[in-house]
């Protein structure tokens, strides 16, 4: 019988072992098994396994009998991605023989680390007029995981509602649209870094705050916000404030600081001034509505940008009237004549006065203030037409001297004293033949002696008739015998002398009655 001697060392079945272990494997996890064989017999073939390297003895445990590795500690790929162990297989012969091999324990990475931004926030100031596609800021995040789990993609997830920015694969934020500080001066973007784990639900992410501040450029002109019309009363004192002119500029700093000015204008200079800072439009000279009833001012508003921007506006200033002018008659004296038989309402003449004031201050009303105590005339208040108010009578009054007043209407609205002027109106009444001759002493009585003819051609008596009319209507009265003995008596048509043509006889007729007529020419 041949007895075995321990002449064969153990031989591993593999030249090296490599085990993959998920990094989230729990303690007691079966990592893998090494195995060696020994062709000897008996105790010489009984093998014992051990780890002879000093590293990771606290991480892995090797069963000396079975060669099974189990996990005894928590793994972290990001700290130790792999372990290299030296394992020995030793028989129990005498002398003992052994062999070694290398065992590779590879920790399999899991997506257990989210991307990390460093720093956690970013900020940059840019001018509002940068072109589309300009880089603004680059963010950066790292992921300790490996492979796809450690690859990062960036996105803007908040604060970019108008789509002004986009971000590249490497985290560079650039402008996508034109910017305008006056519409939005500050952007607070939320940038998310997400890893590329194969399964979307396993992907991890983190965020960073990106503040983008737009710096102003002088791209906005001043804009007037005050009304373009105002009023000012004439004769106001110097330094009276007419209005406060206001313009706004949405730019900031010097670009938004506004100065006001009035350009040189001969019609404005010396009348108005404009405060360069406060925009107060003031009166610096005399304002007379009757000379200039309104002004059109060209106002400039200029900022202090480089170069500056300027806007101009037209301000219409209406001058309000003050009752500083009296009505004026031209001429001051009027004359007219009218027939005494003029009908009531007949027009005599029209007077006229002008007032250079405006509205009620310049509206004239007329009245007769003296010279017509009987109110034979009236005057139309608005037009100044004088009319006959009562029946006229030349024989009662042949001439009127009327005092007519022209008065403005200032006291109707403003309650201030009215201003006035007076004119003299002479009205001559023209006579008409409206009065018959009247015998002054009718009836007349005369005595004659019978049987003789009176001397002086038979003169008996003279009759006289009076005519109230004026020449030429009563400059000659004619007399006639209308009734009676015309063959006995005769009347001188011009003088009214009555003469006897022949002697009378009382016993035949003692009394004679003559009917006389006086007629004007």
Protein backbone atom coordinates (compact mmCIF):
# COMPACT_ATOMS: atom_id res chain seq x y z
CA UNK A 1 0.00 0.00 0.00
CA UNK A 2 1.31 3.39 -1.07
CA UNK A 3 0.95 6.03 1.57
CA UNK A 4 0.09 9.62 0.49
CA UNK A 5 2.49 12.37 1.23
CA UNK A 6 1.51 16.03 1.15
CA UNK A 7 3.26 16.82 -2.05
CA UNK A 8 0.56 18.88 -3.83
CA UNK A 9 -0.41 22.40 -2.87
CA UNK A 10 -4.04 23.48 -3.17
CA UNK A 11 -4.99 24.78 -6.60
CA UNK A 12 -7.74 27.39 -7.13
CA UNK A 13 -10.24 26.63 -9.82
CA UNK A 14 -9.86 30.15 -11.26
CA UNK A 15 -6.72 32.16 -11.69
CA UNK A 16 -8.56 35.11 -10.08
CA UNK A 17 -12.02 35.87 -8.81
CA UNK A 18 -14.09 39.00 -9.41
CA UNK A 19 -17.33 39.72 -7.59
CA UNK A 20 -19.79 42.58 -8.29
CA UNK A 21 -21.63 43.89 -5.25
CA UNK A 22 -24.43 46.50 -5.30
CA UNK A 23 -23.42 49.37 -3.07
CA UNK A 24 -26.72 49.15 -1.26
CA UNK A 25 -26.15 45.49 -0.31
CA UNK A 26 -26.96 44.83 3.33
CA UNK A 27 -24.77 43.17 5.91
CA UNK A 28 -24.73 39.37 5.48
CA UNK A 29 -25.05 39.68 1.74
CA UNK A 30 -23.41 36.65 -0.01
CA UNK A 31 -20.66 38.18 -2.09
CA UNK A 32 -19.18 35.11 -3.79
CA UNK A 33 -17.30 31.91 -3.23
CA UNK A 34 -13.69 30.92 -3.93
CA UNK A 35 -12.78 27.29 -4.36
CA UNK A 36 -9.55 25.36 -4.52
CA UNK A 37 -8.79 21.62 -4.90
CA UNK A 38 -5.94 19.46 -3.58
CA UNK A 39 -5.14 16.10 -5.30
CA UNK A 40 -3.70 14.75 -2.07
CA UNK A 41 -5.71 12.49 0.11
CA UNK A 42 -7.05 12.64 3.55
CA UNK A 43 -5.91 15.35 5.80
CA UNK A 44 -3.50 16.49 3.17
CA UNK A 45 -6.49 17.49 1.02
CA UNK A 46 -8.44 19.25 3.77
CA UNK A 47 -8.38 22.96 2.87
CA UNK A 48 -8.77 26.08 4.95
CA UNK A 49 -9.41 29.56 3.40
CA UNK A 50 -8.20 32.84 4.80
CA UNK A 51 -7.63 36.45 3.75
CA UNK A 52 -4.00 37.22 4.17
CA UNK A 53 -4.17 40.85 2.98
CA UNK A 54 -4.67 43.54 5.63
CA UNK A 55 -7.24 45.65 3.72
CA UNK A 56 -11.00 45.41 4.14
CA UNK A 57 -11.00 42.69 6.78
CA UNK A 58 -13.75 44.71 8.47
CA UNK A 59 -15.82 44.82 5.30
CA UNK A 60 -15.82 41.19 4.21
CA UNK A 61 -15.88 37.91 6.08
CA UNK A 62 -14.50 34.69 4.53
CA UNK A 63 -15.81 31.34 5.71
CA UNK A 64 -12.60 29.29 6.20
CA UNK A 65 -14.33 26.04 5.40
CA UNK A 66 -16.52 26.96 2.44
CA UNK A 67 -14.63 29.91 0.93
CA UNK A 68 -17.83 32.00 0.94
CA UNK A 69 -17.43 35.79 1.25
CA UNK A 70 -20.18 37.66 3.11
CA UNK A 71 -20.60 41.41 3.60
CA UNK A 72 -20.02 42.70 7.12
CA UNK A 73 -20.11 46.49 6.56
CA UNK A 74 -21.96 49.09 4.49
CA UNK A 75 -20.54 49.84 1.07
CA UNK A 76 -20.26 53.24 -0.59
CA UNK A 77 -19.14 53.34 -4.18
CA UNK A 78 -18.28 57.01 -3.93
CA UNK A 79 -15.80 56.23 -1.08
CA UNK A 80 -14.35 52.87 -2.23
CA UNK A 81 -15.41 51.69 -5.66
CA UNK A 82 -13.53 48.35 -5.45
CA UNK A 83 -11.57 46.13 -3.07
CA UNK A 84 -8.57 43.81 -3.83
CA UNK A 85 -8.16 40.89 -1.46
CA UNK A 86 -5.47 38.19 -1.34
CA UNK A 87 -6.95 34.81 -0.39
CA UNK A 88 -4.93 31.80 0.71
CA UNK A 89 -6.01 28.17 0.50
CA UNK A 90 -3.97 25.97 2.89
CA UNK A 91 -4.12 22.21 3.36
CA UNK A 92 -3.81 20.45 6.69
CA UNK A 93 -0.84 18.23 5.79
CA UNK A 94 2.53 18.33 7.37
CA UNK A 95 4.27 20.30 6.34
CA UNK A 96 1.31 22.37 5.24
CA UNK A 97 1.13 23.58 1.66
CA UNK A 98 -0.81 26.63 0.39
CA UNK A 99 -1.52 28.79 -2.60
CA UNK A 100 -2.93 32.30 -3.03
CA UNK A 101 -4.94 34.26 -5.55
CA UNK A 102 -6.41 37.71 -5.92
CA UNK A 103 -10.10 38.39 -5.37
CA UNK A 104 -11.57 41.58 -6.87
CA UNK A 105 -14.68 42.91 -5.15
CA UNK A 106 -16.27 45.55 -7.35
CA UNK A 107 -18.85 47.85 -5.77
CA UNK A 108 -21.64 48.46 -8.27
CA UNK A 109 -22.66 52.12 -8.29
CA UNK A 110 -26.28 53.00 -7.53
CA UNK A 111 -27.84 56.41 -8.23
CA UNK A 112 -27.80 57.47 -4.61
CA UNK A 113 -26.22 60.89 -5.01
CA UNK A 114 -28.01 63.93 -6.35
CA UNK A 115 -26.06 66.52 -8.34
CA UNK A 116 -24.57 69.22 -6.12
CA UNK A 117 -24.18 72.87 -7.16
CA UNK A 118 -21.13 74.73 -5.99
CA UNK A 119 -21.90 77.50 -5.27
CA UNK A 120 -25.59 77.13 -4.45
CA UNK A 121 -26.47 80.54 -5.92
CA UNK A 122 -25.21 82.65 -8.81
CA UNK A 123 -25.57 86.30 -9.72
CA UNK A 124 -24.57 88.50 -12.64
CA UNK A 125 -25.26 92.04 -13.85
CA UNK A 126 -25.77 92.54 -17.57
CA UNK A 127 -26.78 95.48 -19.76
CA UNK A 128 -30.34 95.34 -20.99
CA UNK A 129 -29.35 95.83 -24.64
CA UNK A 130 -27.13 92.75 -25.05
CA UNK A 131 -27.76 90.76 -28.20
CA UNK A 132 -29.61 87.47 -28.45
CA UNK A 133 -27.30 84.51 -27.80
CA UNK A 134 -25.01 86.33 -25.38
CA UNK A 135 -23.70 84.19 -22.49
CA UNK A 136 -24.84 85.48 -19.12
CA UNK A 137 -23.56 83.03 -16.48
CA UNK A 138 -22.40 79.40 -16.30
CA UNK A 139 -23.60 77.16 -13.49
CA UNK A 140 -21.90 73.94 -12.49
CA UNK A 141 -22.98 70.87 -10.53
CA UNK A 142 -21.18 67.59 -9.81
CA UNK A 143 -22.56 64.10 -9.20
CA UNK A 144 -20.47 61.56 -7.29
CA UNK A 145 -22.22 58.70 -9.01
CA UNK A 146 -20.62 57.03 -12.00
CA UNK A 147 -21.66 56.40 -15.54
CA UNK A 148 -25.04 57.70 -16.57
CA UNK A 149 -25.87 58.20 -12.91
CA UNK A 150 -23.15 60.82 -12.73
CA UNK A 151 -23.92 62.63 -15.97
CA UNK A 152 -25.87 65.88 -15.56
CA UNK A 153 -28.28 67.85 -17.68
CA UNK A 154 -29.42 71.38 -16.82
CA UNK A 155 -32.78 73.10 -17.21
CA UNK A 156 -34.41 76.38 -16.16
CA UNK A 157 -37.47 75.34 -14.18
CA UNK A 158 -38.77 78.65 -12.77
CA UNK A 159 -38.47 82.42 -13.20
CA UNK A 160 -38.26 82.29 -17.00
CA UNK A 161 -41.94 82.64 -17.84
CA UNK A 162 -41.33 84.87 -20.86
CA UNK A 163 -38.63 82.59 -22.27
CA UNK A 164 -35.91 85.24 -22.10
CA UNK A 165 -33.13 82.72 -21.35
CA UNK A 166 -32.03 79.21 -22.25
CA UNK A 167 -29.31 76.97 -20.82
CA UNK A 168 -26.82 74.77 -22.68
CA UNK A 169 -25.71 71.21 -21.85
CA UNK A 170 -22.67 72.53 -20.02
CA UNK A 171 -24.76 74.89 -17.84
CA UNK A 172 -24.21 78.17 -19.70
CA UNK A 173 -27.24 80.47 -19.55
CA UNK A 174 -27.64 82.72 -22.60
CA UNK A 175 -30.22 85.20 -23.86
CA UNK A 176 -32.98 83.84 -26.04
CA UNK A 177 -34.89 87.10 -26.53
CA UNK A 178 -34.21 90.82 -26.39
CA UNK A 179 -34.33 92.16 -22.84
CA UNK A 180 -35.92 95.34 -21.54
CA UNK A 181 -35.09 96.57 -18.04
CA UNK A 182 -38.10 98.88 -18.05
CA UNK A 183 -40.41 95.86 -18.36
CA UNK A 184 -38.44 93.57 -16.04
CA UNK A 185 -35.27 94.59 -14.27
CA UNK A 186 -34.57 91.41 -12.29
CA UNK A 187 -34.78 87.71 -13.09
CA UNK A 188 -34.64 85.06 -10.36
CA UNK A 189 -34.11 81.84 -12.26
CA UNK A 190 -34.32 78.43 -10.68
CA UNK A 191 -31.86 76.08 -12.45
CA UNK A 192 -32.25 72.34 -11.94
CA UNK A 193 -29.42 69.84 -12.42
CA UNK A 194 -30.73 66.29 -13.06
CA UNK A 195 -28.64 63.14 -13.47
CA UNK A 196 -29.21 60.70 -16.32
CA UNK A 197 -30.08 57.53 -14.47
CA UNK A 198 -31.47 55.05 -17.03
CA UNK A 199 -34.79 54.84 -15.27
CA UNK A 200 -36.52 58.24 -15.15
CA UNK A 201 -38.10 57.59 -11.77
CA UNK A 202 -34.64 56.94 -10.30
CA UNK A 203 -33.16 60.21 -11.45
CA UNK A 204 -32.08 62.68 -8.79
CA UNK A 205 -31.83 66.46 -9.04
CA UNK A 206 -30.98 69.62 -7.14
CA UNK A 207 -31.51 73.31 -7.76
CA UNK A 208 -29.57 76.56 -7.66
CA UNK A 209 -30.78 80.15 -7.59
CA UNK A 210 -29.52 82.36 -10.43
CA UNK A 211 -30.11 86.13 -10.08
CA UNK A 212 -29.71 88.19 -13.24
CA UNK A 213 -29.84 91.96 -12.79
CA UNK A 214 -30.36 94.13 -15.87
CA UNK A 215 -28.31 97.31 -15.95
CA UNK A 216 -29.95 100.31 -17.54
CA UNK A 217 -29.05 101.83 -20.89
CA UNK A 218 -30.58 105.10 -22.03
CA UNK A 219 -33.12 103.61 -24.41
CA UNK A 220 -36.27 105.40 -23.18
CA UNK A 221 -37.13 109.03 -23.91
CA UNK A 222 -38.95 111.19 -21.34
CA UNK A 223 -42.74 111.00 -21.60
CA UNK A 224 -45.05 113.86 -20.61
CA UNK A 225 -47.91 112.88 -18.29
CA UNK A 226 -49.47 116.29 -17.62
CA UNK A 227 -52.41 117.70 -19.63
CA UNK A 228 -51.49 119.72 -22.71
CA UNK A 229 -54.04 122.45 -21.96
CA UNK A 230 -54.30 124.93 -19.09
CA UNK A 231 -55.62 128.41 -18.32
CA UNK A 232 -54.24 131.58 -16.75
CA UNK A 233 -56.02 134.80 -15.83
CA UNK A 234 -54.81 138.00 -17.41
CA UNK A 235 -53.05 140.58 -15.24
CA UNK A 236 -51.89 137.94 -12.71
CA UNK A 237 -48.83 138.92 -10.62
CA UNK A 238 -45.32 137.95 -11.68
CA UNK A 239 -44.21 134.50 -10.42
CA UNK A 240 -47.76 133.15 -10.47
CA UNK A 241 -47.58 129.37 -11.09
CA UNK A 242 -49.62 128.41 -14.16
CA UNK A 243 -49.11 124.64 -13.92
CA UNK A 244 -46.59 121.97 -12.94
CA UNK A 245 -45.32 120.22 -16.05
CA UNK A 246 -44.33 116.61 -15.39
CA UNK A 247 -42.55 114.04 -17.52
CA UNK A 248 -41.37 110.56 -16.54
CA UNK A 249 -38.45 108.49 -17.81
CA UNK A 250 -38.49 104.76 -17.07
CA UNK A 251 -34.70 104.63 -17.23
CA UNK A 252 -32.81 104.86 -13.95
CA UNK A 253 -30.05 107.01 -12.55
CA UNK A 254 -28.83 109.80 -14.81
CA UNK A 255 -30.68 108.18 -17.70
CA UNK A 256 -33.96 108.88 -15.90
CA UNK A 257 -33.15 112.34 -14.50
CA UNK A 258 -35.18 114.96 -16.41
CA UNK A 259 -34.51 118.65 -17.02
CA UNK A 260 -37.14 120.99 -18.51
CA UNK A 261 -36.66 123.97 -20.80
CA UNK A 262 -38.45 126.38 -23.14
CA UNK A 263 -36.79 127.01 -26.51
CA UNK A 264 -36.18 130.58 -27.63
CA UNK A 265 -39.43 132.06 -28.93
CA UNK A 266 -40.00 135.82 -29.25
CA UNK A 267 -43.71 135.37 -28.49
CA UNK A 268 -42.98 133.52 -25.24
CA UNK A 269 -39.76 135.06 -23.94
CA UNK A 270 -40.45 137.55 -21.18
CA UNK A 271 -43.93 136.12 -20.55
CA UNK A 272 -43.33 132.62 -19.13
CA UNK A 273 -40.48 130.76 -17.44
CA UNK A 274 -40.06 127.03 -16.80
CA UNK A 275 -38.22 125.59 -13.79
CA UNK A 276 -35.54 123.20 -15.11
CA UNK A 277 -35.87 120.83 -12.14
CA UNK A 278 -39.41 121.22 -10.77
CA UNK A 279 -41.12 121.89 -14.13
CA UNK A 280 -43.12 124.82 -12.70
CA UNK A 281 -44.46 127.06 -15.47
CA UNK A 282 -44.58 130.63 -14.11
CA UNK A 283 -45.66 134.04 -15.35
CA UNK A 284 -42.74 136.47 -15.59
CA UNK A 285 -44.31 139.27 -17.64
CA UNK A 286 -47.58 141.06 -18.32
CA UNK A 287 -50.43 138.98 -19.71
CA UNK A 288 -53.16 140.87 -21.54
CA UNK A 289 -55.91 138.81 -23.11
CA UNK A 290 -56.90 141.67 -25.40
CA UNK A 291 -53.37 141.57 -26.86
CA UNK A 292 -52.85 137.79 -26.87
CA UNK A 293 -55.74 135.49 -26.01
CA UNK A 294 -53.75 132.24 -25.98
CA UNK A 295 -50.22 130.89 -26.12
CA UNK A 296 -48.81 127.68 -27.55
CA UNK A 297 -45.67 126.69 -25.66
CA UNK A 298 -43.16 124.11 -26.91
CA UNK A 299 -41.71 122.39 -23.84
CA UNK A 300 -38.56 120.23 -23.89
CA UNK A 301 -37.86 117.38 -21.44
CA UNK A 302 -34.30 115.99 -21.68
CA UNK A 303 -32.61 113.27 -19.64
CA UNK A 304 -28.93 113.19 -18.63
CA UNK A 305 -27.99 110.02 -20.48
CA UNK A 306 -24.97 109.77 -22.75
CA UNK A 307 -26.08 110.63 -25.31
CA UNK A 308 -29.17 112.32 -23.83
CA UNK A 309 -32.69 111.73 -25.14
CA UNK A 310 -35.24 114.54 -25.49
CA UNK A 311 -39.00 114.79 -25.98
CA UNK A 312 -41.03 117.90 -26.74
CA UNK A 313 -44.69 118.65 -26.14
CA UNK A 314 -47.01 121.53 -26.97
CA UNK A 315 -48.86 123.18 -24.07
CA UNK A 316 -51.88 125.32 -24.99
CA UNK A 317 -52.40 128.16 -22.48
CA UNK A 318 -55.72 129.99 -22.69
CA UNK A 319 -55.82 133.46 -21.14
CA UNK A 320 -58.94 134.02 -19.04
CA UNK A 321 -60.52 137.44 -19.34
CA UNK A 322 -60.61 140.03 -16.59
CA UNK A 323 -63.03 142.94 -16.78
CA UNK A 324 -60.33 145.52 -17.38
CA UNK A 325 -61.87 147.28 -20.40
CA UNK A 326 -64.98 149.49 -20.50
CA UNK A 327 -67.45 149.59 -23.36
CA UNK A 328 -66.61 152.45 -25.74
CA UNK A 329 -69.11 154.36 -27.88
CA UNK A 330 -67.86 155.43 -31.28
CA UNK A 331 -69.11 158.02 -32.01
CA UNK A 332 -69.96 159.62 -28.68
CA UNK A 333 -72.82 161.68 -30.17
CA UNK A 334 -75.71 160.56 -32.34
CA UNK A 335 -78.58 162.43 -33.95
CA UNK A 336 -81.71 161.38 -35.79
CA UNK A 337 -85.08 162.78 -36.77
CA UNK A 338 -88.42 161.07 -36.82
CA UNK A 339 -91.89 162.16 -37.79
CA UNK A 340 -94.26 162.95 -34.97
CA UNK A 341 -96.76 160.49 -36.41
CA UNK A 342 -94.29 157.59 -36.30
CA UNK A 343 -95.95 154.40 -35.14
CA UNK A 344 -95.11 152.80 -31.80
CA UNK A 345 -92.18 150.43 -32.28
CA UNK A 346 -90.71 152.42 -35.16
CA UNK A 347 -86.90 152.40 -35.18
CA UNK A 348 -85.20 155.74 -34.56
CA UNK A 349 -81.52 154.75 -34.79
CA UNK A 350 -79.02 152.23 -33.45
CA UNK A 351 -76.16 153.08 -31.12
CA UNK A 352 -73.13 150.84 -30.80
CA UNK A 353 -70.38 150.37 -28.23
CA UNK A 354 -67.57 147.81 -28.26
CA UNK A 355 -65.87 146.10 -25.32
CA UNK A 356 -62.64 144.20 -26.03
CA UNK A 357 -63.13 141.94 -22.99
CA UNK A 358 -64.43 138.40 -23.42
CA UNK A 359 -67.76 136.69 -22.76
CA UNK A 360 -69.86 138.43 -20.07
CA UNK A 361 -67.10 140.98 -19.50
CA UNK A 362 -67.35 141.99 -23.15
CA UNK A 363 -71.10 141.57 -23.70
CA UNK A 364 -72.72 145.04 -23.83
CA UNK A 365 -76.25 146.00 -22.78
CA UNK A 366 -77.81 149.40 -23.43
CA UNK A 367 -80.18 151.61 -21.45
CA UNK A 368 -81.56 155.18 -21.57
CA UNK A 369 -80.51 156.86 -18.34
CA UNK A 370 -81.82 160.44 -18.84
CA UNK A 371 -83.49 162.87 -21.23
CA UNK A 372 -86.78 160.98 -21.58
CA UNK A 373 -88.77 161.45 -18.40
CA UNK A 374 -92.01 160.58 -20.22
CA UNK A 375 -90.48 157.37 -21.56
CA UNK A 376 -91.45 158.19 -25.12
CA UNK A 377 -88.60 155.95 -26.31
CA UNK A 378 -87.11 152.62 -25.33
CA UNK A 379 -83.88 150.89 -26.30
CA UNK A 380 -83.35 147.20 -27.02
CA UNK A 381 -80.87 146.07 -24.39
CA UNK A 382 -78.86 143.70 -26.58
CA UNK A 383 -78.77 145.59 -29.91
CA UNK A 384 -78.85 149.28 -28.98
CA UNK A 385 -81.77 150.00 -31.33
CA UNK A 386 -83.84 152.96 -30.06
CA UNK A 387 -87.56 152.66 -30.82
CA UNK A 388 -90.68 154.80 -30.36
CA UNK A 389 -92.50 153.72 -27.19
CA UNK A 390 -95.41 156.23 -27.14
CA UNK A 391 -97.21 158.56 -29.54
CA UNK A 392 -95.06 161.59 -30.27
CA UNK A 393 -96.28 165.15 -30.60
CA UNK A 394 -94.14 167.81 -32.14
CA UNK A 395 -96.28 170.47 -30.60
CA UNK A 396 -95.62 168.96 -27.13
CA UNK A 397 -91.89 168.34 -27.55
CA UNK A 398 -89.87 168.83 -30.68
CA UNK A 399 -86.42 167.63 -29.50
CA UNK A 400 -85.05 165.03 -27.10
CA UNK A 401 -81.51 164.81 -25.77
CA UNK A 402 -81.12 161.23 -24.55
CA UNK A 403 -78.19 159.96 -22.50
CA UNK A 404 -77.61 156.30 -23.42
CA UNK A 405 -75.42 154.03 -21.27
CA UNK A 406 -73.51 150.99 -22.55
CA UNK A 407 -72.67 148.64 -19.67
CA UNK A 408 -70.90 145.25 -19.69
CA UNK A 409 -72.39 142.18 -17.98
CA UNK A 410 -69.54 141.37 -15.61
CA UNK A 411 -71.76 141.51 -12.53
CA UNK A 412 -74.14 138.87 -13.94
CA UNK A 413 -71.72 136.01 -13.33
CA UNK A 414 -68.69 137.19 -11.42
CA UNK A 415 -70.42 139.62 -9.07
CA UNK A 416 -67.82 142.28 -9.79
CA UNK A 417 -68.55 145.89 -10.69
CA UNK A 418 -69.65 146.46 -14.27
CA UNK A 419 -67.89 149.02 -16.47
CA UNK A 420 -69.77 151.49 -18.68
CA UNK A 421 -69.68 154.41 -21.12
CA UNK A 422 -72.34 156.99 -22.15
CA UNK A 423 -73.29 158.66 -25.42
CA UNK A 424 -75.57 161.58 -26.26
CA UNK A 425 -78.42 160.96 -28.69
CA UNK A 426 -80.33 163.96 -30.13
CA UNK A 427 -83.75 163.06 -31.53
CA UNK A 428 -85.53 165.72 -33.56
CA UNK A 429 -89.29 165.39 -34.04
CA UNK A 430 -90.47 166.34 -37.53
CA UNK A 431 -93.73 168.28 -37.64
CA UNK A 432 -96.65 167.15 -39.80
CA UNK A 433 -99.86 169.04 -40.68
CA UNK A 434 -101.89 167.47 -37.94
CA UNK A 435 -103.47 170.65 -36.48
CA UNK A 436 -106.27 172.65 -38.25
CA UNK A 437 -106.34 176.45 -37.96
CA UNK A 438 -108.38 177.55 -34.93
CA UNK A 439 -110.22 180.88 -34.60
CA UNK A 440 -108.95 182.40 -31.40
CA UNK A 441 -112.08 184.47 -30.41
CA UNK A 442 -114.94 182.67 -32.06
CA UNK A 443 -117.71 183.66 -32.12
CA UNK A 444 -116.97 187.17 -33.32
CA UNK A 445 -119.45 190.07 -32.86
CA UNK A 446 -119.41 193.30 -34.91
CA UNK A 447 -121.70 196.35 -35.14
CA UNK A 448 -122.33 198.53 -38.18
CA UNK A 449 -124.55 201.63 -38.66
CA UNK A 450 -127.43 201.23 -41.07
CA UNK A 451 -127.66 203.15 -44.29
CA UNK A 452 -123.89 203.88 -44.48
CA UNK A 453 -120.81 202.04 -45.67
CA UNK A 454 -118.02 202.06 -43.07
CA UNK A 455 -114.83 203.84 -43.99
CA UNK A 456 -111.66 202.10 -45.12
CA UNK A 457 -113.39 200.21 -47.85
CA UNK A 458 -116.32 199.12 -45.71
CA UNK A 459 -114.12 197.48 -42.96
CA UNK A 460 -116.23 195.75 -40.34
CA UNK A 461 -113.95 193.41 -38.31
CA UNK A 462 -110.86 191.23 -38.62
CA UNK A 463 -110.83 187.52 -37.70
CA UNK A 464 -107.67 185.54 -36.92
CA UNK A 465 -107.11 181.78 -36.93
CA UNK A 466 -104.08 180.09 -35.22
CA UNK A 467 -102.38 176.96 -36.60
CA UNK A 468 -100.20 175.07 -34.06
CA UNK A 469 -98.16 173.47 -36.81
CA UNK A 470 -94.86 174.94 -37.81
CA UNK A 471 -93.90 176.32 -41.18
CA UNK A 472 -94.33 175.58 -43.91
CA UNK A 473 -97.71 174.17 -42.89
CA UNK A 474 -99.13 177.28 -41.10
CA UNK A 475 -97.17 180.09 -42.65
CA UNK A 476 -100.28 181.11 -44.63
CA UNK A 477 -103.92 180.74 -43.54
CA UNK A 478 -106.66 181.41 -46.08
CA UNK A 479 -110.07 182.66 -45.03
CA UNK A 480 -113.38 182.01 -46.80
CA UNK A 481 -117.07 182.74 -46.23
CA UNK A 482 -118.76 179.41 -46.16
CA UNK A 483 -122.26 180.47 -45.13
CA UNK A 484 -124.03 183.82 -45.18
CA UNK A 485 -124.67 186.72 -47.54
CA UNK A 486 -121.64 186.76 -49.74
CA UNK A 487 -123.23 189.46 -51.87
CA UNK A 488 -123.24 191.80 -48.86
CA UNK A 489 -120.05 190.79 -47.04
CA UNK A 490 -116.58 190.02 -48.32
CA UNK A 491 -113.54 188.59 -46.47
CA UNK A 492 -109.93 189.15 -47.38
CA UNK A 493 -108.55 185.63 -47.88
CA UNK A 494 -105.10 186.59 -46.60
CA UNK A 495 -105.79 189.01 -43.76
CA UNK A 496 -109.19 187.91 -42.50
CA UNK A 497 -110.59 191.44 -42.80
CA UNK A 498 -114.38 191.44 -43.34
CA UNK A 499 -115.81 194.35 -45.41
CA UNK A 500 -119.37 195.55 -46.12
CA UNK A 501 -120.18 195.83 -49.82
CA UNK A 502 -123.31 198.01 -49.49
CA UNK A 503 -125.33 199.85 -46.87
CA UNK A 504 -127.73 197.89 -44.68
CA UNK A 505 -131.28 198.61 -43.52
CA UNK A 506 -131.96 197.47 -39.95
CA UNK A 507 -135.75 197.56 -40.52
CA UNK A 508 -135.35 195.01 -43.27
CA UNK A 509 -132.79 192.76 -41.42
CA UNK A 510 -131.23 193.59 -38.12
CA UNK A 511 -128.66 190.73 -37.82
CA UNK A 512 -126.44 188.76 -40.14
CA UNK A 513 -124.61 185.49 -39.32
CA UNK A 514 -121.62 184.49 -41.39
CA UNK A 515 -120.00 181.05 -41.36
CA UNK A 516 -116.27 181.42 -41.93
CA UNK A 517 -113.61 178.87 -42.85
CA UNK A 518 -109.88 179.17 -42.11
CA UNK A 519 -107.71 176.76 -44.13
CA UNK A 520 -103.95 176.27 -43.87
CA UNK A 521 -101.80 175.80 -46.91
